[in-house]
């Protein structure tokens, strides 16, 4: 069975109402099956509250999981809690990505925040982390999903965010995210032939 490893913060842990869940895992697998690519399992190594520095400290655990695909997503805690500057975040992400075969990696950017709920949030700051992630992905040559962009091109992005905390995707948001990840994996599979 082929393996998709999710490596990141609470976004990839599928946090719903403050607790990790299987929601993102299920949506990714459902979408892949519907696209004609069944037979995958998800190993979810997402952890709440982690910055890119925390993630870098456990990258060996992710390498050992031997994923056929690795989805990496950090940055919200770097930005929201200002744990790391944009430059340090970029260096950390670069080092994480370089731990894997670039053809296996999908980098997911930070998302949009509902700042009416999470008042300490700053979407301008979030976007600086998004741009850094995109720059690192381009420099290394890995696929990137600009989650912030995908959420904000929709006229009502708050519908994709939980009212519980203003940070994590709603059920619809996780469905959308699962579809984006599955689409990227499908494109990689089709490119491999």
N, C-alpha and C. Protein backbone atom coordinates (compact mmCIF):
# COMPACT_ATOMS: atom_id res chain seq x y z
N UNK A 1 0.85 -1.19 0.00
CA UNK A 1 0.00 0.00 0.00
C UNK A 1 0.89 1.24 0.00
N UNK A 2 0.54 2.20 -0.85
CA UNK A 2 1.32 3.43 -0.93
C UNK A 2 0.96 4.36 0.22
N UNK A 3 1.93 5.19 0.58
CA UNK A 3 1.81 5.97 1.81
C UNK A 3 1.96 7.46 1.55
N UNK A 4 1.03 8.22 2.11
CA UNK A 4 1.09 9.68 2.09
C UNK A 4 1.38 10.13 3.52
N UNK A 5 2.47 10.83 3.71
CA UNK A 5 2.82 11.32 5.05
C UNK A 5 2.49 12.80 5.14
N UNK A 6 1.69 13.15 6.13
CA UNK A 6 1.37 14.55 6.41
C UNK A 6 2.26 15.00 7.55
N UNK A 7 3.07 16.02 7.28
CA UNK A 7 4.08 16.49 8.24
C UNK A 7 3.88 17.98 8.44
N UNK A 8 3.38 18.34 9.61
CA UNK A 8 3.15 19.76 9.84
C UNK A 8 2.57 20.05 11.20
N UNK A 9 1.90 21.18 11.26
CA UNK A 9 1.30 21.63 12.52
C UNK A 9 -0.15 21.16 12.59
N UNK A 10 -0.97 21.85 13.37
CA UNK A 10 -2.35 21.41 13.61
C UNK A 10 -3.21 21.43 12.35
N UNK A 11 -2.85 22.20 11.36
CA UNK A 11 -3.60 22.21 10.10
C UNK A 11 -3.63 20.81 9.50
N UNK A 12 -2.47 20.15 9.45
CA UNK A 12 -2.41 18.80 8.91
C UNK A 12 -2.88 17.75 9.91
N UNK A 13 -2.89 18.09 11.20
CA UNK A 13 -3.41 17.17 12.22
C UNK A 13 -4.93 17.08 12.17
N UNK A 14 -5.56 17.91 11.34
CA UNK A 14 -7.01 17.86 11.18
C UNK A 14 -7.77 18.36 12.38
N UNK A 15 -7.23 19.37 13.05
CA UNK A 15 -7.86 19.85 14.28
C UNK A 15 -9.27 20.39 14.01
N UNK A 16 -10.22 19.82 14.76
CA UNK A 16 -11.62 20.24 14.73
C UNK A 16 -12.04 20.52 16.17
N UNK A 17 -12.53 21.72 16.42
CA UNK A 17 -12.95 22.13 17.76
C UNK A 17 -11.87 21.84 18.81
N UNK A 18 -10.64 22.12 18.42
CA UNK A 18 -9.52 22.02 19.34
C UNK A 18 -8.85 20.67 19.47
N UNK A 19 -9.36 19.66 18.79
CA UNK A 19 -8.79 18.31 18.92
C UNK A 19 -8.39 17.73 17.56
N UNK A 20 -7.25 17.01 17.49
CA UNK A 20 -6.87 16.36 16.23
C UNK A 20 -7.95 15.36 15.80
N UNK A 21 -8.10 15.20 14.49
CA UNK A 21 -9.10 14.27 13.97
C UNK A 21 -8.58 13.63 12.68
N UNK A 22 -9.35 12.70 12.17
CA UNK A 22 -9.00 12.00 10.93
C UNK A 22 -9.61 12.68 9.71
N UNK A 23 -10.23 13.84 9.87
CA UNK A 23 -11.01 14.45 8.78
C UNK A 23 -10.20 14.68 7.51
N UNK A 24 -9.00 15.23 7.64
CA UNK A 24 -8.20 15.51 6.45
C UNK A 24 -7.75 14.21 5.80
N UNK A 25 -7.32 13.25 6.61
CA UNK A 25 -6.90 11.95 6.08
C UNK A 25 -8.01 11.35 5.22
N UNK A 26 -9.23 11.33 5.76
CA UNK A 26 -10.38 10.74 5.05
C UNK A 26 -10.65 11.45 3.73
N UNK A 27 -10.63 12.79 3.77
CA UNK A 27 -10.92 13.53 2.55
C UNK A 27 -9.87 13.29 1.47
N UNK A 28 -8.61 13.23 1.85
CA UNK A 28 -7.55 12.95 0.86
C UNK A 28 -7.78 11.58 0.22
N UNK A 29 -7.99 10.57 1.06
CA UNK A 29 -8.17 9.21 0.54
C UNK A 29 -9.44 9.09 -0.29
N UNK A 30 -10.53 9.71 0.15
CA UNK A 30 -11.78 9.69 -0.62
C UNK A 30 -11.60 10.33 -1.99
N UNK A 31 -10.92 11.48 -2.01
CA UNK A 31 -10.71 12.19 -3.28
C UNK A 31 -9.83 11.36 -4.22
N UNK A 32 -8.76 10.78 -3.70
CA UNK A 32 -7.88 9.97 -4.56
C UNK A 32 -8.63 8.76 -5.12
N UNK A 33 -9.45 8.13 -4.29
CA UNK A 33 -10.23 6.98 -4.75
C UNK A 33 -11.20 7.40 -5.85
N UNK A 34 -11.87 8.52 -5.65
CA UNK A 34 -12.81 9.02 -6.67
C UNK A 34 -12.10 9.36 -7.97
N UNK A 35 -10.83 9.76 -7.89
CA UNK A 35 -10.05 10.09 -9.10
C UNK A 35 -9.47 8.85 -9.76
N UNK A 36 -9.68 7.68 -9.15
CA UNK A 36 -9.16 6.45 -9.73
C UNK A 36 -7.82 6.02 -9.18
N UNK A 37 -7.47 6.52 -8.00
CA UNK A 37 -6.19 6.16 -7.38
C UNK A 37 -6.42 5.63 -5.96
N UNK A 38 -7.03 4.44 -5.85
CA UNK A 38 -7.23 3.86 -4.52
C UNK A 38 -5.94 3.21 -4.01
N UNK A 39 -5.99 2.67 -2.81
CA UNK A 39 -4.85 1.90 -2.30
C UNK A 39 -3.80 2.71 -1.58
N UNK A 40 -4.20 3.85 -1.04
CA UNK A 40 -3.26 4.67 -0.27
C UNK A 40 -3.62 4.64 1.20
N UNK A 41 -2.64 4.88 2.02
CA UNK A 41 -2.86 5.11 3.45
C UNK A 41 -2.22 6.44 3.81
N UNK A 42 -2.77 7.09 4.83
CA UNK A 42 -2.21 8.35 5.31
C UNK A 42 -1.56 8.12 6.66
N UNK A 43 -0.33 8.55 6.79
CA UNK A 43 0.36 8.57 8.08
C UNK A 43 0.39 10.03 8.49
N UNK A 44 -0.36 10.35 9.53
CA UNK A 44 -0.49 11.75 9.92
C UNK A 44 0.48 12.07 11.05
N UNK A 45 1.48 12.88 10.72
CA UNK A 45 2.48 13.32 11.69
C UNK A 45 2.34 14.81 11.95
N UNK A 46 1.10 15.30 11.89
CA UNK A 46 0.82 16.68 12.24
C UNK A 46 0.74 16.83 13.75
N UNK A 47 1.28 17.93 14.28
CA UNK A 47 1.25 18.18 15.73
C UNK A 47 0.85 19.61 16.01
N UNK A 48 -0.06 19.74 16.95
CA UNK A 48 -0.55 21.07 17.32
C UNK A 48 0.57 21.94 17.90
N UNK A 49 0.47 23.22 17.56
CA UNK A 49 1.34 24.22 18.17
C UNK A 49 2.77 24.28 17.67
N UNK A 50 3.10 23.46 16.67
CA UNK A 50 4.49 23.41 16.24
C UNK A 50 4.85 24.54 15.28
N UNK A 51 6.04 25.06 15.49
CA UNK A 51 6.65 26.00 14.55
C UNK A 51 7.51 25.20 13.59
N UNK A 52 8.07 25.87 12.61
CA UNK A 52 8.96 25.19 11.67
C UNK A 52 10.22 24.67 12.37
N UNK A 53 10.66 25.34 13.43
CA UNK A 53 11.81 24.86 14.20
C UNK A 53 11.48 23.54 14.88
N UNK A 54 10.28 23.45 15.46
CA UNK A 54 9.84 22.20 16.09
C UNK A 54 9.78 21.08 15.06
N UNK A 55 9.24 21.39 13.90
CA UNK A 55 9.15 20.38 12.85
C UNK A 55 10.50 19.90 12.39
N UNK A 56 11.42 20.83 12.22
CA UNK A 56 12.76 20.47 11.79
C UNK A 56 13.41 19.51 12.78
N UNK A 57 13.12 19.69 14.06
CA UNK A 57 13.71 18.83 15.10
C UNK A 57 13.23 17.39 15.00
N UNK A 58 12.12 17.14 14.32
CA UNK A 58 11.62 15.77 14.21
C UNK A 58 11.54 15.28 12.77
N UNK A 59 12.29 15.90 11.89
CA UNK A 59 12.25 15.51 10.48
C UNK A 59 12.72 14.07 10.27
N UNK A 60 13.62 13.56 11.12
CA UNK A 60 14.09 12.17 10.97
C UNK A 60 12.95 11.17 11.13
N UNK A 61 12.02 11.47 12.03
CA UNK A 61 10.84 10.61 12.23
C UNK A 61 10.02 10.52 10.93
N UNK A 62 9.95 11.63 10.23
CA UNK A 62 9.18 11.68 8.99
C UNK A 62 9.92 10.94 7.88
N UNK A 63 11.22 11.10 7.81
CA UNK A 63 12.03 10.36 6.83
C UNK A 63 11.85 8.86 7.04
N UNK A 64 11.88 8.43 8.31
CA UNK A 64 11.73 7.01 8.64
C UNK A 64 10.37 6.45 8.23
N UNK A 65 9.36 7.29 8.12
CA UNK A 65 8.03 6.84 7.71
C UNK A 65 7.99 6.40 6.25
N UNK A 66 8.98 6.81 5.47
CA UNK A 66 9.15 6.38 4.08
C UNK A 66 7.88 6.57 3.24
N UNK A 67 7.43 7.81 3.18
CA UNK A 67 6.24 8.12 2.40
C UNK A 67 6.51 8.13 0.90
N UNK A 68 5.52 7.70 0.14
CA UNK A 68 5.59 7.84 -1.31
C UNK A 68 5.38 9.30 -1.69
N UNK A 69 4.62 10.00 -0.82
CA UNK A 69 4.43 11.45 -0.94
C UNK A 69 4.51 12.04 0.47
N UNK A 70 5.10 13.23 0.56
CA UNK A 70 5.20 13.92 1.85
C UNK A 70 4.63 15.32 1.68
N UNK A 71 3.60 15.62 2.45
CA UNK A 71 3.00 16.95 2.45
C UNK A 71 3.55 17.69 3.66
N UNK A 72 4.21 18.82 3.43
CA UNK A 72 4.82 19.61 4.51
C UNK A 72 4.06 20.91 4.65
N UNK A 73 3.68 21.23 5.89
CA UNK A 73 2.97 22.49 6.13
C UNK A 73 3.27 23.04 7.52
N UNK A 74 4.03 24.10 7.54
CA UNK A 74 4.31 24.85 8.76
C UNK A 74 4.17 26.32 8.44
N UNK A 75 4.17 27.15 9.45
CA UNK A 75 4.19 28.58 9.24
C UNK A 75 3.16 29.35 10.04
N UNK A 76 2.01 28.74 10.32
CA UNK A 76 0.99 29.49 11.06
C UNK A 76 1.47 29.82 12.46
N UNK A 77 2.10 28.86 13.14
CA UNK A 77 2.61 29.16 14.49
C UNK A 77 3.83 30.07 14.44
N UNK A 78 4.62 29.96 13.38
CA UNK A 78 5.74 30.89 13.21
C UNK A 78 5.19 32.32 13.12
N UNK A 79 4.13 32.48 12.34
CA UNK A 79 3.53 33.79 12.10
C UNK A 79 2.66 34.26 13.28
N UNK A 80 1.72 33.43 13.67
CA UNK A 80 0.73 33.81 14.67
C UNK A 80 1.37 34.09 16.02
N UNK A 81 2.25 33.20 16.41
CA UNK A 81 2.92 33.36 17.71
C UNK A 81 4.28 34.03 17.57
N UNK A 82 4.60 34.38 16.35
CA UNK A 82 5.87 35.03 16.03
C UNK A 82 7.06 34.28 16.63
N UNK A 83 7.02 32.94 16.44
CA UNK A 83 8.08 32.08 16.97
C UNK A 83 9.35 32.17 16.13
N UNK A 84 9.18 32.37 14.82
CA UNK A 84 10.33 32.46 13.92
C UNK A 84 10.12 33.60 12.94
N UNK A 85 11.19 34.27 12.60
CA UNK A 85 11.12 35.28 11.56
C UNK A 85 10.85 34.59 10.23
N UNK A 86 10.46 35.35 9.24
CA UNK A 86 10.23 34.81 7.91
C UNK A 86 11.51 34.15 7.38
N UNK A 87 12.66 34.76 7.66
CA UNK A 87 13.94 34.22 7.16
C UNK A 87 14.25 32.86 7.81
N UNK A 88 14.08 32.76 9.12
CA UNK A 88 14.34 31.50 9.82
C UNK A 88 13.35 30.44 9.33
N UNK A 89 12.09 30.83 9.20
CA UNK A 89 11.08 29.92 8.67
C UNK A 89 11.52 29.37 7.31
N UNK A 90 11.96 30.25 6.42
CA UNK A 90 12.40 29.82 5.10
C UNK A 90 13.56 28.84 5.15
N UNK A 91 14.53 29.11 6.03
CA UNK A 91 15.67 28.20 6.18
C UNK A 91 15.21 26.83 6.70
N UNK A 92 14.30 26.85 7.67
CA UNK A 92 13.80 25.60 8.23
C UNK A 92 13.06 24.77 7.19
N UNK A 93 12.19 25.42 6.43
CA UNK A 93 11.43 24.72 5.39
C UNK A 93 12.37 24.14 4.33
N UNK A 94 13.36 24.92 3.95
CA UNK A 94 14.34 24.46 2.95
C UNK A 94 15.04 23.20 3.45
N UNK A 95 15.47 23.22 4.71
CA UNK A 95 16.17 22.06 5.26
C UNK A 95 15.24 20.84 5.34
N UNK A 96 13.98 21.07 5.71
CA UNK A 96 13.02 19.95 5.75
C UNK A 96 12.87 19.34 4.37
N UNK A 97 12.61 20.18 3.37
CA UNK A 97 12.37 19.68 2.01
C UNK A 97 13.58 18.90 1.51
N UNK A 98 14.77 19.39 1.81
CA UNK A 98 15.99 18.74 1.32
C UNK A 98 16.24 17.39 1.98
N UNK A 99 15.44 17.04 2.99
CA UNK A 99 15.56 15.73 3.63
C UNK A 99 14.86 14.64 2.81
N UNK A 100 14.14 15.04 1.77
CA UNK A 100 13.35 14.10 0.96
C UNK A 100 13.69 14.24 -0.51
N UNK A 101 13.31 13.24 -1.28
CA UNK A 101 13.37 13.33 -2.74
C UNK A 101 12.36 14.40 -3.14
N UNK A 102 12.81 15.44 -3.84
CA UNK A 102 11.94 16.58 -4.18
C UNK A 102 10.70 16.15 -4.96
N UNK A 103 10.78 15.08 -5.72
CA UNK A 103 9.63 14.64 -6.51
C UNK A 103 8.50 14.10 -5.63
N UNK A 104 8.80 13.80 -4.37
CA UNK A 104 7.80 13.26 -3.44
C UNK A 104 7.13 14.36 -2.61
N UNK A 105 7.67 15.57 -2.64
CA UNK A 105 7.25 16.62 -1.70
C UNK A 105 6.18 17.53 -2.29
N UNK A 106 5.18 17.83 -1.45
CA UNK A 106 4.20 18.87 -1.73
C UNK A 106 4.28 19.83 -0.55
N UNK A 107 4.56 21.09 -0.83
CA UNK A 107 4.62 22.10 0.23
C UNK A 107 3.30 22.85 0.25
N UNK A 108 2.69 22.91 1.42
CA UNK A 108 1.42 23.60 1.61
C UNK A 108 1.70 24.87 2.40
N UNK A 109 1.24 26.01 1.88
CA UNK A 109 1.50 27.28 2.57
C UNK A 109 0.54 27.46 3.75
N UNK A 110 0.82 28.47 4.54
CA UNK A 110 -0.10 28.87 5.60
C UNK A 110 -1.41 29.33 4.96
N UNK A 111 -2.46 29.31 5.75
CA UNK A 111 -3.77 29.69 5.23
C UNK A 111 -4.22 31.06 5.73
N UNK A 112 -5.44 31.33 5.42
CA UNK A 112 -6.13 32.57 5.80
C UNK A 112 -6.65 32.43 7.23
N UNK A 113 -6.67 33.54 7.97
CA UNK A 113 -7.19 33.56 9.34
C UNK A 113 -8.44 34.44 9.38
N UNK A 114 -9.42 34.03 10.17
CA UNK A 114 -10.58 34.87 10.42
C UNK A 114 -10.22 35.78 11.59
N UNK A 115 -9.74 36.97 11.28
CA UNK A 115 -9.21 37.87 12.31
C UNK A 115 -10.31 38.52 13.16
N UNK A 116 -11.56 38.34 12.79
CA UNK A 116 -12.65 38.78 13.67
C UNK A 116 -12.74 37.86 14.89
N UNK A 117 -12.28 36.61 14.72
CA UNK A 117 -12.29 35.62 15.81
C UNK A 117 -10.92 35.55 16.47
N UNK A 118 -9.87 35.38 15.68
CA UNK A 118 -8.50 35.30 16.21
C UNK A 118 -7.88 36.69 16.04
N UNK A 119 -8.17 37.56 16.98
CA UNK A 119 -7.82 38.98 16.83
C UNK A 119 -6.31 39.23 16.84
N UNK A 120 -5.54 38.29 17.39
CA UNK A 120 -4.08 38.46 17.35
C UNK A 120 -3.51 38.08 15.99
N UNK A 121 -4.36 37.51 15.11
CA UNK A 121 -3.91 37.11 13.79
C UNK A 121 -3.68 38.31 12.88
N UNK A 122 -2.83 38.12 11.91
CA UNK A 122 -2.49 39.18 10.96
C UNK A 122 -2.31 38.54 9.59
N UNK A 123 -3.29 38.71 8.71
CA UNK A 123 -3.21 38.08 7.40
C UNK A 123 -2.12 38.67 6.52
N UNK A 124 -1.73 39.91 6.74
CA UNK A 124 -0.58 40.46 6.00
C UNK A 124 0.68 39.71 6.39
N UNK A 125 0.83 39.42 7.68
CA UNK A 125 2.00 38.66 8.14
C UNK A 125 1.92 37.22 7.60
N UNK A 126 0.72 36.63 7.62
CA UNK A 126 0.55 35.28 7.06
C UNK A 126 1.06 35.24 5.62
N UNK A 127 0.71 36.27 4.85
CA UNK A 127 1.09 36.31 3.45
C UNK A 127 2.60 36.40 3.26
N UNK A 128 3.31 37.01 4.19
CA UNK A 128 4.78 37.05 4.09
C UNK A 128 5.36 35.63 4.21
N UNK A 129 4.75 34.81 5.08
CA UNK A 129 5.19 33.42 5.22
C UNK A 129 4.80 32.60 3.98
N UNK A 130 3.65 32.91 3.42
CA UNK A 130 3.23 32.26 2.17
C UNK A 130 4.25 32.54 1.07
N UNK A 131 4.62 33.81 0.91
CA UNK A 131 5.56 34.18 -0.15
C UNK A 131 6.92 33.51 0.05
N UNK A 132 7.36 33.43 1.30
CA UNK A 132 8.64 32.77 1.58
C UNK A 132 8.56 31.29 1.22
N UNK A 133 7.48 30.63 1.59
CA UNK A 133 7.31 29.20 1.27
C UNK A 133 7.32 29.00 -0.25
N UNK A 134 6.62 29.86 -0.97
CA UNK A 134 6.58 29.74 -2.43
C UNK A 134 7.96 29.96 -3.04
N UNK A 135 8.71 30.90 -2.49
CA UNK A 135 10.06 31.16 -2.99
C UNK A 135 10.96 29.95 -2.77
N UNK A 136 10.90 29.37 -1.57
CA UNK A 136 11.72 28.19 -1.26
C UNK A 136 11.34 27.03 -2.19
N UNK A 137 10.04 26.82 -2.38
CA UNK A 137 9.57 25.74 -3.25
C UNK A 137 10.08 25.93 -4.67
N UNK A 138 10.02 27.16 -5.16
CA UNK A 138 10.51 27.44 -6.51
C UNK A 138 12.02 27.22 -6.61
N UNK A 139 12.75 27.67 -5.61
CA UNK A 139 14.21 27.52 -5.62
C UNK A 139 14.62 26.05 -5.64
N UNK A 140 13.89 25.21 -4.91
CA UNK A 140 14.25 23.80 -4.80
C UNK A 140 13.60 22.97 -5.91
N UNK A 141 12.47 23.44 -6.40
CA UNK A 141 11.78 22.71 -7.46
C UNK A 141 10.78 21.69 -6.94
N UNK A 142 9.99 22.08 -5.93
CA UNK A 142 8.94 21.20 -5.43
C UNK A 142 7.58 21.84 -5.66
N UNK A 143 6.56 21.00 -5.71
CA UNK A 143 5.19 21.49 -5.86
C UNK A 143 4.78 22.27 -4.62
N UNK A 144 4.02 23.33 -4.85
CA UNK A 144 3.51 24.12 -3.73
C UNK A 144 2.02 24.35 -3.94
N UNK A 145 1.27 24.23 -2.86
CA UNK A 145 -0.15 24.58 -2.87
C UNK A 145 -0.28 25.85 -2.05
N UNK A 146 -0.69 26.92 -2.70
CA UNK A 146 -0.87 28.21 -2.02
C UNK A 146 -2.26 28.22 -1.39
N UNK A 147 -2.33 27.68 -0.17
CA UNK A 147 -3.61 27.56 0.52
C UNK A 147 -4.23 28.93 0.76
N UNK A 148 -3.42 29.91 1.11
CA UNK A 148 -3.96 31.25 1.36
C UNK A 148 -4.69 31.76 0.11
N UNK A 149 -4.06 31.63 -1.02
CA UNK A 149 -4.66 32.07 -2.29
C UNK A 149 -5.98 31.32 -2.56
N UNK A 150 -5.93 30.00 -2.44
CA UNK A 150 -7.11 29.20 -2.74
C UNK A 150 -8.29 29.56 -1.84
N UNK A 151 -8.01 29.89 -0.58
CA UNK A 151 -9.09 30.25 0.33
C UNK A 151 -9.63 31.66 0.08
N UNK A 152 -8.76 32.55 -0.34
CA UNK A 152 -9.18 33.96 -0.45
C UNK A 152 -9.70 34.35 -1.83
N UNK A 153 -9.57 33.50 -2.85
CA UNK A 153 -10.19 33.83 -4.13
C UNK A 153 -11.70 33.63 -4.04
N UNK A 154 -12.12 32.86 -3.07
CA UNK A 154 -13.54 32.65 -2.81
C UNK A 154 -14.07 33.90 -2.12
N UNK A 155 -15.26 34.41 -2.51
CA UNK A 155 -15.77 35.67 -1.94
C UNK A 155 -16.00 35.65 -0.42
N UNK A 156 -16.23 34.48 0.16
CA UNK A 156 -16.51 34.39 1.60
C UNK A 156 -15.56 33.40 2.26
N UNK A 157 -14.27 33.74 2.38
CA UNK A 157 -13.30 32.77 2.90
C UNK A 157 -13.58 32.32 4.33
N UNK A 158 -14.30 33.13 5.12
CA UNK A 158 -14.56 32.73 6.50
C UNK A 158 -15.40 31.46 6.59
N UNK A 159 -16.12 31.11 5.52
CA UNK A 159 -16.89 29.87 5.51
C UNK A 159 -15.99 28.64 5.53
N UNK A 160 -14.73 28.81 5.13
CA UNK A 160 -13.78 27.70 5.13
C UNK A 160 -13.04 27.57 6.47
N UNK A 161 -13.31 28.46 7.42
CA UNK A 161 -12.58 28.50 8.68
C UNK A 161 -13.55 28.24 9.83
N UNK A 162 -13.09 27.46 10.82
CA UNK A 162 -13.93 27.16 11.98
C UNK A 162 -14.21 28.42 12.80
N UNK A 163 -15.46 28.59 13.19
CA UNK A 163 -15.79 29.70 14.09
C UNK A 163 -15.30 29.40 15.50
N UNK A 164 -14.94 28.15 15.77
CA UNK A 164 -14.42 27.76 17.08
C UNK A 164 -13.16 28.53 17.43
N UNK A 165 -12.25 28.71 16.43
CA UNK A 165 -10.97 29.35 16.73
C UNK A 165 -10.50 30.37 15.68
N UNK A 166 -11.12 30.40 14.51
CA UNK A 166 -10.71 31.35 13.48
C UNK A 166 -9.44 30.98 12.74
N UNK A 167 -8.91 29.79 13.02
CA UNK A 167 -7.63 29.37 12.43
C UNK A 167 -7.79 28.15 11.53
N UNK A 168 -8.36 27.10 12.09
CA UNK A 168 -8.40 25.81 11.41
C UNK A 168 -9.55 25.72 10.42
N UNK A 169 -9.38 24.93 9.38
CA UNK A 169 -10.44 24.78 8.40
C UNK A 169 -11.72 24.21 9.02
N UNK A 170 -12.84 24.63 8.46
CA UNK A 170 -14.13 24.04 8.80
C UNK A 170 -14.22 22.69 8.08
N UNK A 171 -15.33 21.99 8.25
CA UNK A 171 -15.52 20.73 7.52
C UNK A 171 -15.37 20.98 6.02
N UNK A 172 -15.99 22.06 5.52
CA UNK A 172 -15.87 22.39 4.10
C UNK A 172 -14.43 22.75 3.74
N UNK A 173 -13.76 23.44 4.66
CA UNK A 173 -12.36 23.81 4.43
C UNK A 173 -11.45 22.61 4.33
N UNK A 174 -11.67 21.62 5.21
CA UNK A 174 -10.85 20.41 5.14
C UNK A 174 -11.18 19.60 3.88
N UNK A 175 -12.43 19.60 3.47
CA UNK A 175 -12.79 18.90 2.23
C UNK A 175 -12.05 19.54 1.06
N UNK A 176 -12.06 20.86 1.02
CA UNK A 176 -11.36 21.61 -0.02
C UNK A 176 -9.87 21.32 0.01
N UNK A 177 -9.27 21.35 1.22
CA UNK A 177 -7.84 21.08 1.36
C UNK A 177 -7.52 19.66 0.93
N UNK A 178 -8.34 18.69 1.33
CA UNK A 178 -8.12 17.31 0.91
C UNK A 178 -8.13 17.17 -0.60
N UNK A 179 -9.06 17.89 -1.25
CA UNK A 179 -9.15 17.85 -2.71
C UNK A 179 -7.90 18.47 -3.36
N UNK A 180 -7.41 19.56 -2.77
CA UNK A 180 -6.20 20.20 -3.32
C UNK A 180 -4.99 19.26 -3.23
N UNK A 181 -4.83 18.61 -2.09
CA UNK A 181 -3.71 17.68 -1.90
C UNK A 181 -3.85 16.49 -2.84
N UNK A 182 -5.06 15.93 -2.92
CA UNK A 182 -5.29 14.78 -3.80
C UNK A 182 -5.01 15.14 -5.26
N UNK A 183 -5.42 16.33 -5.67
CA UNK A 183 -5.18 16.78 -7.04
C UNK A 183 -3.69 16.85 -7.34
N UNK A 184 -2.91 17.37 -6.38
CA UNK A 184 -1.47 17.48 -6.58
C UNK A 184 -0.83 16.09 -6.68
N UNK A 185 -1.28 15.16 -5.84
CA UNK A 185 -0.75 13.79 -5.90
C UNK A 185 -1.12 13.17 -7.25
N UNK A 186 -2.34 13.36 -7.69
CA UNK A 186 -2.77 12.83 -9.00
C UNK A 186 -1.88 13.37 -10.12
N UNK A 187 -1.60 14.67 -10.08
CA UNK A 187 -0.73 15.26 -11.11
C UNK A 187 0.65 14.65 -11.08
N UNK A 188 1.18 14.39 -9.89
CA UNK A 188 2.49 13.75 -9.78
C UNK A 188 2.45 12.33 -10.35
N UNK A 189 1.38 11.60 -10.04
CA UNK A 189 1.25 10.23 -10.53
C UNK A 189 1.14 10.20 -12.05
N UNK A 190 0.37 11.12 -12.61
CA UNK A 190 0.22 11.17 -14.07
C UNK A 190 1.54 11.56 -14.75
N UNK A 191 2.30 12.43 -14.09
CA UNK A 191 3.59 12.84 -14.65
C UNK A 191 4.58 11.67 -14.65
N UNK A 192 4.46 10.79 -13.64
CA UNK A 192 5.35 9.63 -13.56
C UNK A 192 5.02 8.62 -14.65
N UNK A 193 3.77 8.67 -15.15
CA UNK A 193 3.36 7.74 -16.20
C UNK A 193 2.86 6.49 -15.59
